[in-house]
N, C-alpha and C. Protein backbone atom coordinates (compact mmCIF):
# COMPACT_ATOMS: atom_id res chain seq x y z
N ALA A 1 -70.09 53.61 25.31
CA ALA A 1 -69.15 54.04 26.32
C ALA A 1 -69.90 54.49 27.56
N TYR A 2 -69.26 54.27 28.72
CA TYR A 2 -69.87 54.66 29.99
C TYR A 2 -69.25 55.95 30.47
N THR A 3 -70.06 56.77 31.14
CA THR A 3 -69.51 58.00 31.74
C THR A 3 -68.77 57.61 33.00
N LYS A 4 -67.95 58.53 33.49
CA LYS A 4 -67.22 58.30 34.75
C LYS A 4 -68.17 58.07 35.88
N ALA A 5 -69.27 58.82 35.92
CA ALA A 5 -70.26 58.68 37.00
C ALA A 5 -70.89 57.26 36.98
N GLN A 6 -71.19 56.73 35.78
CA GLN A 6 -71.75 55.40 35.68
C GLN A 6 -70.75 54.35 36.17
N VAL A 7 -69.49 54.50 35.80
CA VAL A 7 -68.46 53.56 36.25
C VAL A 7 -68.30 53.65 37.77
N ASP A 8 -68.26 54.85 38.31
CA ASP A 8 -68.10 55.04 39.76
C ASP A 8 -69.26 54.41 40.52
N THR A 9 -70.49 54.59 40.01
CA THR A 9 -71.68 54.00 40.64
C THR A 9 -71.62 52.48 40.59
N ALA A 10 -71.24 51.93 39.45
CA ALA A 10 -71.15 50.48 39.32
C ALA A 10 -70.08 49.92 40.25
N LEU A 11 -68.94 50.57 40.36
CA LEU A 11 -67.90 50.11 41.27
C LEU A 11 -68.30 50.20 42.71
N ALA A 12 -69.03 51.25 43.06
CA ALA A 12 -69.49 51.42 44.45
C ALA A 12 -70.49 50.31 44.80
N ASP A 13 -71.39 49.97 43.84
CA ASP A 13 -72.36 48.90 44.08
C ASP A 13 -71.63 47.57 44.23
N LYS A 14 -70.63 47.30 43.44
CA LYS A 14 -69.90 46.02 43.50
C LYS A 14 -69.15 45.91 44.81
N ALA A 15 -68.67 47.03 45.35
CA ALA A 15 -67.89 47.00 46.59
C ALA A 15 -68.77 46.97 47.83
N ASN A 16 -70.08 47.12 47.69
CA ASN A 16 -70.98 47.15 48.83
C ASN A 16 -71.26 45.72 49.30
N LEU A 17 -70.42 45.23 50.17
CA LEU A 17 -70.56 43.86 50.60
C LEU A 17 -71.78 43.62 51.49
N SER A 18 -72.40 44.70 51.97
CA SER A 18 -73.61 44.52 52.76
C SER A 18 -74.76 43.94 51.95
N LEU A 19 -74.64 44.03 50.61
CA LEU A 19 -75.65 43.43 49.75
C LEU A 19 -75.67 41.91 49.87
N PHE A 20 -74.55 41.35 50.35
CA PHE A 20 -74.43 39.88 50.51
C PHE A 20 -74.82 39.48 51.90
N ALA A 21 -75.97 39.95 52.40
CA ALA A 21 -76.41 39.60 53.75
C ALA A 21 -76.56 38.09 53.88
N ASN A 22 -76.14 37.59 55.05
CA ASN A 22 -76.29 36.17 55.30
C ASN A 22 -76.51 35.90 56.77
N SER A 23 -77.01 34.75 57.07
CA SER A 23 -77.23 34.31 58.43
C SER A 23 -77.21 32.79 58.45
N PHE A 24 -76.14 32.27 59.05
CA PHE A 24 -76.05 30.81 59.23
C PHE A 24 -75.83 30.50 60.69
N VAL A 25 -76.64 29.59 61.22
CA VAL A 25 -76.47 29.07 62.58
C VAL A 25 -76.18 27.58 62.39
N GLY A 26 -74.96 27.17 62.61
CA GLY A 26 -74.60 25.79 62.32
C GLY A 26 -74.65 25.55 60.82
N SER A 27 -75.37 24.54 60.40
CA SER A 27 -75.45 24.23 58.98
C SER A 27 -76.72 24.74 58.32
N THR A 28 -77.53 25.52 59.04
CA THR A 28 -78.78 26.03 58.49
C THR A 28 -78.72 27.54 58.36
N GLY A 29 -79.18 28.04 57.22
CA GLY A 29 -79.19 29.50 57.07
C GLY A 29 -79.46 29.92 55.65
N TYR A 30 -79.10 31.17 55.34
CA TYR A 30 -79.36 31.71 54.00
C TYR A 30 -78.27 32.70 53.61
N GLN A 31 -78.20 32.94 52.30
CA GLN A 31 -77.27 33.89 51.70
C GLN A 31 -78.03 34.69 50.67
N ARG A 32 -78.06 36.00 50.82
CA ARG A 32 -78.69 36.86 49.78
C ARG A 32 -77.63 37.24 48.75
N LEU A 33 -78.00 37.19 47.49
CA LEU A 33 -77.12 37.60 46.41
C LEU A 33 -77.70 38.82 45.72
N PRO A 34 -76.92 39.88 45.52
CA PRO A 34 -77.45 41.08 44.86
C PRO A 34 -77.67 40.83 43.38
N SER A 35 -78.52 41.63 42.78
CA SER A 35 -78.72 41.56 41.33
C SER A 35 -77.93 42.68 40.66
N ALA A 36 -77.76 42.58 39.38
CA ALA A 36 -76.98 43.56 38.64
C ALA A 36 -77.70 44.91 38.53
N ASN A 37 -79.03 44.89 38.53
CA ASN A 37 -79.79 46.12 38.31
C ASN A 37 -80.29 46.76 39.63
N GLY A 38 -79.86 46.27 40.74
CA GLY A 38 -80.25 46.86 42.02
C GLY A 38 -81.55 46.34 42.60
N SER A 39 -82.29 45.53 41.87
CA SER A 39 -83.52 44.94 42.42
C SER A 39 -83.13 43.77 43.32
N PRO A 40 -84.04 43.30 44.16
CA PRO A 40 -83.69 42.15 45.03
C PRO A 40 -83.17 40.98 44.21
N GLY A 41 -82.11 40.40 44.68
CA GLY A 41 -81.47 39.28 43.95
C GLY A 41 -81.94 37.94 44.48
N MET A 42 -81.20 36.92 44.11
CA MET A 42 -81.50 35.55 44.51
C MET A 42 -81.18 35.35 45.99
N ILE A 43 -81.86 34.39 46.59
CA ILE A 43 -81.59 33.97 47.97
C ILE A 43 -81.36 32.47 47.91
N VAL A 44 -80.24 32.02 48.48
CA VAL A 44 -79.91 30.62 48.57
C VAL A 44 -80.00 30.21 50.05
N GLN A 45 -80.80 29.20 50.35
CA GLN A 45 -80.97 28.72 51.72
C GLN A 45 -80.57 27.26 51.79
N ALA A 46 -80.04 26.83 52.96
CA ALA A 46 -79.57 25.47 53.11
C ALA A 46 -79.79 25.00 54.52
N GLY A 47 -79.86 23.67 54.67
CA GLY A 47 -80.01 23.11 56.02
C GLY A 47 -80.08 21.61 55.99
N THR A 48 -80.44 21.04 57.11
CA THR A 48 -80.63 19.59 57.24
C THR A 48 -81.94 19.32 57.96
N ALA A 49 -82.47 18.15 57.68
CA ALA A 49 -83.69 17.67 58.36
C ALA A 49 -83.54 16.17 58.60
N THR A 50 -84.12 15.68 59.64
CA THR A 50 -84.11 14.25 59.91
C THR A 50 -85.38 13.65 59.30
N VAL A 51 -85.16 12.71 58.39
CA VAL A 51 -86.28 12.09 57.65
C VAL A 51 -86.07 10.58 57.66
N GLY A 52 -87.09 9.84 57.98
CA GLY A 52 -87.04 8.40 57.98
C GLY A 52 -87.36 7.85 56.60
N ASP A 53 -87.04 6.58 56.41
CA ASP A 53 -87.33 5.91 55.12
C ASP A 53 -88.85 5.91 54.89
N ASN A 54 -89.23 6.26 53.69
CA ASN A 54 -90.64 6.35 53.29
C ASN A 54 -91.42 7.32 54.18
N GLN A 55 -90.78 8.39 54.58
CA GLN A 55 -91.38 9.42 55.40
C GLN A 55 -91.26 10.77 54.70
N ILE A 56 -92.24 11.62 54.96
CA ILE A 56 -92.22 13.01 54.42
C ILE A 56 -92.37 13.94 55.61
N VAL A 57 -91.50 14.95 55.66
CA VAL A 57 -91.57 15.96 56.74
C VAL A 57 -91.74 17.34 56.09
N THR A 58 -92.32 18.26 56.83
CA THR A 58 -92.44 19.64 56.39
C THR A 58 -91.32 20.44 56.98
N VAL A 59 -90.60 21.16 56.14
CA VAL A 59 -89.45 21.97 56.55
C VAL A 59 -89.83 23.44 56.40
N THR A 60 -89.56 24.24 57.43
CA THR A 60 -89.74 25.68 57.39
C THR A 60 -88.40 26.33 57.09
N LEU A 61 -88.32 27.17 56.07
CA LEU A 61 -87.09 27.84 55.70
C LEU A 61 -86.65 28.85 56.76
N PRO A 62 -85.35 29.12 56.82
CA PRO A 62 -84.86 30.12 57.78
C PRO A 62 -85.53 31.49 57.60
N ILE A 63 -85.76 31.89 56.35
CA ILE A 63 -86.53 33.10 56.04
C ILE A 63 -87.45 32.78 54.86
N ALA A 64 -88.57 33.42 54.79
CA ALA A 64 -89.49 33.23 53.65
C ALA A 64 -88.93 33.93 52.42
N PHE A 65 -89.10 33.32 51.25
CA PHE A 65 -88.76 34.01 50.02
C PHE A 65 -89.77 35.13 49.80
N PRO A 66 -89.34 36.37 49.51
CA PRO A 66 -90.30 37.46 49.38
C PRO A 66 -91.16 37.37 48.12
N ASN A 67 -90.65 36.80 47.02
CA ASN A 67 -91.35 36.82 45.75
C ASN A 67 -91.64 35.46 45.14
N GLN A 68 -90.63 34.58 45.11
CA GLN A 68 -90.81 33.33 44.39
C GLN A 68 -89.88 32.25 44.96
N PHE A 69 -90.43 31.08 45.17
CA PHE A 69 -89.66 29.88 45.59
C PHE A 69 -89.41 29.09 44.30
N LEU A 70 -88.18 29.06 43.84
CA LEU A 70 -87.88 28.47 42.54
C LEU A 70 -87.60 26.97 42.54
N ALA A 71 -86.82 26.49 43.50
CA ALA A 71 -86.43 25.08 43.52
C ALA A 71 -85.95 24.65 44.89
N VAL A 72 -86.07 23.33 45.16
CA VAL A 72 -85.50 22.74 46.33
C VAL A 72 -84.93 21.38 45.94
N VAL A 73 -83.78 21.06 46.47
CA VAL A 73 -83.08 19.80 46.20
C VAL A 73 -82.61 19.19 47.51
N GLY A 74 -82.81 17.90 47.69
CA GLY A 74 -82.36 17.23 48.90
C GLY A 74 -81.41 16.09 48.61
N MET A 75 -80.62 15.73 49.62
CA MET A 75 -79.71 14.61 49.48
C MET A 75 -79.60 13.87 50.81
N GLY A 76 -80.06 12.61 50.83
CA GLY A 76 -79.98 11.80 52.02
C GLY A 76 -78.59 11.35 52.31
N GLU A 77 -78.25 11.27 53.59
CA GLU A 77 -76.94 10.79 54.04
C GLU A 77 -77.11 9.40 54.63
N TYR A 78 -76.48 8.40 54.05
CA TYR A 78 -76.58 7.04 54.52
C TYR A 78 -75.29 6.65 55.20
N GLY A 79 -75.37 6.21 56.44
CA GLY A 79 -74.18 5.90 57.22
C GLY A 79 -73.64 4.50 57.00
N GLY A 80 -74.37 3.65 56.31
CA GLY A 80 -73.94 2.27 56.08
C GLY A 80 -73.04 2.12 54.88
N ALA A 81 -72.68 0.89 54.60
CA ALA A 81 -71.84 0.59 53.43
C ALA A 81 -72.67 0.69 52.17
N LEU A 82 -72.22 1.44 51.19
CA LEU A 82 -72.93 1.59 49.93
C LEU A 82 -72.50 0.47 48.97
N SER A 83 -73.45 0.05 48.16
CA SER A 83 -73.16 -0.94 47.12
C SER A 83 -74.01 -0.59 45.91
N THR A 84 -73.85 -1.34 44.86
CA THR A 84 -74.64 -1.09 43.64
C THR A 84 -76.11 -1.45 43.87
N ALA A 85 -76.39 -2.20 44.93
CA ALA A 85 -77.78 -2.59 45.24
C ALA A 85 -78.45 -1.59 46.18
N THR A 86 -77.69 -0.63 46.72
CA THR A 86 -78.25 0.35 47.65
C THR A 86 -78.81 1.53 46.85
N VAL A 87 -80.09 1.81 47.00
CA VAL A 87 -80.71 2.92 46.28
C VAL A 87 -81.49 3.77 47.29
N MET A 88 -81.23 5.06 47.29
CA MET A 88 -81.96 5.99 48.14
C MET A 88 -82.30 7.22 47.29
N GLY A 89 -83.57 7.62 47.32
CA GLY A 89 -83.99 8.80 46.62
C GLY A 89 -84.52 9.84 47.58
N THR A 90 -84.30 11.10 47.29
CA THR A 90 -84.79 12.20 48.09
C THR A 90 -85.61 13.11 47.17
N HIS A 91 -86.74 13.56 47.65
CA HIS A 91 -87.60 14.42 46.83
C HIS A 91 -88.15 15.56 47.65
N GLY A 92 -88.38 16.69 46.97
CA GLY A 92 -88.93 17.85 47.64
C GLY A 92 -90.13 18.38 46.90
N GLN A 93 -91.04 19.05 47.64
CA GLN A 93 -92.23 19.64 47.04
C GLN A 93 -92.44 21.00 47.71
N ILE A 94 -92.45 22.04 46.89
CA ILE A 94 -92.68 23.39 47.40
C ILE A 94 -94.13 23.50 47.88
N VAL A 95 -94.29 24.03 49.10
CA VAL A 95 -95.61 24.19 49.70
C VAL A 95 -96.03 25.67 49.69
N SER A 96 -95.10 26.54 50.05
CA SER A 96 -95.39 27.98 50.12
C SER A 96 -94.06 28.74 50.00
N LEU A 97 -94.08 30.03 50.18
CA LEU A 97 -92.84 30.82 50.13
C LEU A 97 -91.92 30.55 51.32
N SER A 98 -92.47 29.86 52.35
CA SER A 98 -91.67 29.63 53.55
C SER A 98 -91.51 28.14 53.93
N GLN A 99 -92.16 27.25 53.20
CA GLN A 99 -92.10 25.81 53.55
C GLN A 99 -92.04 24.92 52.34
N PHE A 100 -91.48 23.71 52.56
CA PHE A 100 -91.50 22.67 51.54
C PHE A 100 -91.57 21.32 52.25
N LYS A 101 -91.97 20.31 51.49
CA LYS A 101 -92.00 18.95 52.02
C LYS A 101 -90.78 18.21 51.48
N LEU A 102 -90.18 17.39 52.37
CA LEU A 102 -88.98 16.66 52.03
C LEU A 102 -89.22 15.19 52.34
N GLY A 103 -88.96 14.32 51.37
CA GLY A 103 -89.17 12.89 51.58
C GLY A 103 -87.96 12.07 51.17
N VAL A 104 -87.86 10.89 51.77
CA VAL A 104 -86.80 9.95 51.46
C VAL A 104 -87.41 8.57 51.21
N SER A 105 -86.92 7.91 50.19
CA SER A 105 -87.34 6.53 49.89
C SER A 105 -86.10 5.71 49.65
N ALA A 106 -86.04 4.50 50.20
CA ALA A 106 -84.87 3.65 50.04
C ALA A 106 -85.30 2.21 49.81
N ASN A 107 -84.43 1.43 49.21
CA ASN A 107 -84.74 0.03 49.02
C ASN A 107 -84.07 -0.87 50.06
N PHE A 108 -83.76 -0.29 51.19
CA PHE A 108 -83.19 -1.04 52.31
C PHE A 108 -83.87 -0.58 53.59
N ASP A 109 -83.71 -1.35 54.63
CA ASP A 109 -84.33 -1.02 55.93
C ASP A 109 -83.48 0.04 56.60
N GLY A 110 -83.79 1.30 56.29
CA GLY A 110 -82.97 2.39 56.78
C GLY A 110 -83.60 3.06 57.99
N ALA A 111 -82.75 3.45 58.92
CA ALA A 111 -83.20 4.26 60.05
C ALA A 111 -83.33 5.68 59.56
N LYS A 112 -83.66 6.56 60.45
CA LYS A 112 -83.77 7.97 60.09
C LYS A 112 -82.41 8.48 59.60
N THR A 113 -82.46 9.32 58.60
CA THR A 113 -81.27 9.85 57.99
C THR A 113 -81.27 11.38 58.05
N ASN A 114 -80.08 11.94 58.25
CA ASN A 114 -79.94 13.38 58.09
C ASN A 114 -79.99 13.68 56.62
N THR A 115 -80.86 14.54 56.23
CA THR A 115 -81.05 14.89 54.84
C THR A 115 -80.69 16.33 54.62
N SER A 116 -79.68 16.59 53.82
CA SER A 116 -79.27 17.94 53.50
C SER A 116 -80.18 18.49 52.39
N TRP A 117 -80.44 19.81 52.44
CA TRP A 117 -81.25 20.42 51.40
C TRP A 117 -80.73 21.78 51.04
N ILE A 118 -81.05 22.25 49.84
CA ILE A 118 -80.75 23.59 49.39
C ILE A 118 -81.96 24.11 48.63
N ALA A 119 -82.36 25.34 48.92
CA ALA A 119 -83.51 25.96 48.28
C ALA A 119 -83.07 27.30 47.66
N ILE A 120 -83.65 27.58 46.50
CA ILE A 120 -83.31 28.81 45.78
C ILE A 120 -84.60 29.58 45.50
N GLY A 121 -84.55 30.87 45.70
CA GLY A 121 -85.70 31.74 45.41
C GLY A 121 -85.27 33.17 45.28
N ARG A 122 -86.30 34.04 45.24
CA ARG A 122 -86.03 35.47 45.16
C ARG A 122 -87.15 36.26 45.79
């Protein structure tokens, strides 16, 4: 059983929306998520980068992860007609707490593509 003070503290923490700090300018930015125990929580960052076919670019995150860069995922946007023969892959490589490399490979003669990405860390 929880004491009234413990319940009041937990409810006050849950209602503190300032723990959900965020900053988005257009489609690029970040969202901080609080943790249950009061320690720094997860940070989700997102954005876009222009990447050409068979090209790799270095992307700088909106903010550096303070402790750990856990994962990055990218998705290329193709403006042409898709078919079962159209294949495009996007790959990311963590470089540091503030940067990653993003690459696109396709089996067609593609121009530069806007590539959306999402990164998770803490």
